[in-house]
Amino acid sequence: MSPIEHIFHALKKNLRDRAIRRVDEFKKIIIEEWSYLPVSLTCSLVNSMPRRTEALWKAKGLHIKY
């Protein structure tokens, strides 16, 4: 339900092919990859919240496709 989960998924996908060996390197790469995420991704996730909320309401809190 949370848009941040989708953003984390995108980050994880972008990190797959990166060879990360140290924590300081990981921090640097995460910040770098975060800056590459398109603003349109964040906007679309935020704009989808009314649909997500309505779907959750209709499902009475049960599993939904988001």
C-alpha atoms as a PDB file:
ATOM      1  CA  MET A   1       0.000   0.000   0.000  1.00  0.00           C
ATOM      2  CA  SER A   2       2.860   2.347   0.800  1.00  0.00           C
ATOM      3  CA  PRO A   3       4.385   4.236  -2.138  1.00  0.00           C
ATOM      4  CA  ILE A   4       7.830   4.065  -0.516  1.00  0.00           C
ATOM      5  CA  GLU A   5       7.815   0.298  -1.069  1.00  0.00           C
ATOM      6  CA  HIS A   6       7.626   0.906  -4.817  1.00  0.00           C
ATOM      7  CA  ILE A   7      10.467   3.407  -4.617  1.00  0.00           C
ATOM      8  CA  PHE A   8      12.577   0.926  -2.631  1.00  0.00           C
ATOM      9  CA  HIS A   9      11.824  -1.705  -5.278  1.00  0.00           C
ATOM     10  CA  ALA A  10      13.070   0.654  -8.009  1.00  0.00           C
ATOM     11  CA  LEU A  11      16.235   1.372  -6.002  1.00  0.00           C
ATOM     12  CA  LYS A  12      16.833  -2.320  -5.397  1.00  0.00           C
ATOM     13  CA  LYS A  13      16.403  -3.036  -9.101  1.00  0.00           C
ATOM     14  CA  ASN A  14      18.972  -0.355  -9.940  1.00  0.00           C
ATOM     15  CA  LEU A  15      21.437  -1.738  -7.365  1.00  0.00           C
ATOM     16  CA  ARG A  16      21.366  -5.328  -8.624  1.00  0.00           C
ATOM     17  CA  ASP A  17      24.293  -4.980 -11.000  1.00  0.00           C
ATOM     18  CA  ARG A  18      26.410  -2.803  -8.730  1.00  0.00           C
ATOM     19  CA  ALA A  19      29.369  -4.378  -6.933  1.00  0.00           C
ATOM     20  CA  ILE A  20      29.106  -2.990  -3.409  1.00  0.00           C
ATOM     21  CA  ARG A  21      31.688  -4.154  -0.891  1.00  0.00           C
ATOM     22  CA  ARG A  22      31.639  -1.643   1.964  1.00  0.00           C
ATOM     23  CA  VAL A  23      28.996   0.227   3.953  1.00  0.00           C
ATOM     24  CA  ASP A  24      30.410   3.651   3.056  1.00  0.00           C
ATOM     25  CA  GLU A  25      30.327   2.661  -0.617  1.00  0.00           C
ATOM     26  CA  PHE A  26      26.725   1.461  -0.208  1.00  0.00           C
ATOM     27  CA  LYS A  27      25.677   4.808   1.313  1.00  0.00           C
ATOM     28  CA  LYS A  28      27.289   6.733  -1.547  1.00  0.00           C
ATOM     29  CA  ILE A  29      25.662   4.541  -4.206  1.00  0.00           C
ATOM     30  CA  ILE A  30      22.202   4.694  -2.579  1.00  0.00           C
ATOM     31  CA  ILE A  31      22.335   8.496  -2.600  1.00  0.00           C
ATOM     32  CA  GLU A  32      23.499   8.455  -6.204  1.00  0.00           C
ATOM     33  CA  GLU A  33      20.778   6.034  -7.325  1.00  0.00           C
ATOM     34  CA  TRP A  34      18.125   7.975  -5.390  1.00  0.00           C
ATOM     35  CA  SER A  35      19.024  11.075  -7.404  1.00  0.00           C
ATOM     36  CA  TYR A  36      18.490   9.115 -10.636  1.00  0.00           C
ATOM     37  CA  LEU A  37      14.906   8.165  -9.775  1.00  0.00           C
ATOM     38  CA  PRO A  38      12.539  10.162 -11.963  1.00  0.00           C
ATOM     39  CA  VAL A  39      10.328  12.714 -10.239  1.00  0.00           C
ATOM     40  CA  SER A  40       7.499  11.349 -12.377  1.00  0.00           C
ATOM     41  CA  LEU A  41       7.716   8.043 -10.452  1.00  0.00           C
ATOM     42  CA  THR A  42       7.164   9.809  -7.144  1.00  0.00           C
ATOM     43  CA  CYS A  43       4.373  11.950  -8.594  1.00  0.00           C
ATOM     44  CA  SER A  44       2.547   8.966 -10.052  1.00  0.00           C
ATOM     45  CA  LEU A  45       2.791   7.082  -6.760  1.00  0.00           C
ATOM     46  CA  VAL A  46       1.486  10.042  -4.768  1.00  0.00           C
ATOM     47  CA  ASN A  47      -1.282  10.655  -7.304  1.00  0.00           C
ATOM     48  CA  SER A  48      -2.329   7.006  -7.064  1.00  0.00           C
ATOM     49  CA  MET A  49      -3.037   7.244  -3.326  1.00  0.00           C
ATOM     50  CA  PRO A  50      -6.757   8.100  -3.709  1.00  0.00           C
ATOM     51  CA  ARG A  51      -7.226   4.974  -5.892  1.00  0.00           C
ATOM     52  CA  ARG A  52      -5.217   2.862  -3.461  1.00  0.00           C
ATOM     53  CA  THR A  53      -7.197   4.128  -0.492  1.00  0.00           C
ATOM     54  CA  GLU A  54     -10.509   3.514  -2.244  1.00  0.00           C
ATOM     55  CA  ALA A  55      -9.470  -0.010  -3.243  1.00  0.00           C
ATOM     56  CA  LEU A  56      -8.414  -0.767   0.325  1.00  0.00           C
ATOM     57  CA  TRP A  57     -11.702   0.624   1.636  1.00  0.00           C
ATOM     58  CA  LYS A  58     -13.710  -1.519  -0.791  1.00  0.00           C
ATOM     59  CA  ALA A  59     -11.673  -4.593   0.160  1.00  0.00           C
ATOM     60  CA  LYS A  60     -12.379  -3.854   3.837  1.00  0.00           C
ATOM     61  CA  GLY A  61      -8.684  -3.851   4.608  1.00  0.00           C
ATOM     62  CA  LEU A  62      -7.947  -7.147   2.877  1.00  0.00           C
ATOM     63  CA  HIS A  63      -5.347  -7.717   0.157  1.00  0.00           C
ATOM     64  CA  ILE A  64      -5.457  -5.392  -2.860  1.00  0.00           C
ATOM     65  CA  LYS A  65      -3.417  -5.321  -6.078  1.00  0.00           C
ATOM     66  CA  TYR A  66      -1.176  -2.487  -4.908  1.00  0.00           C
END
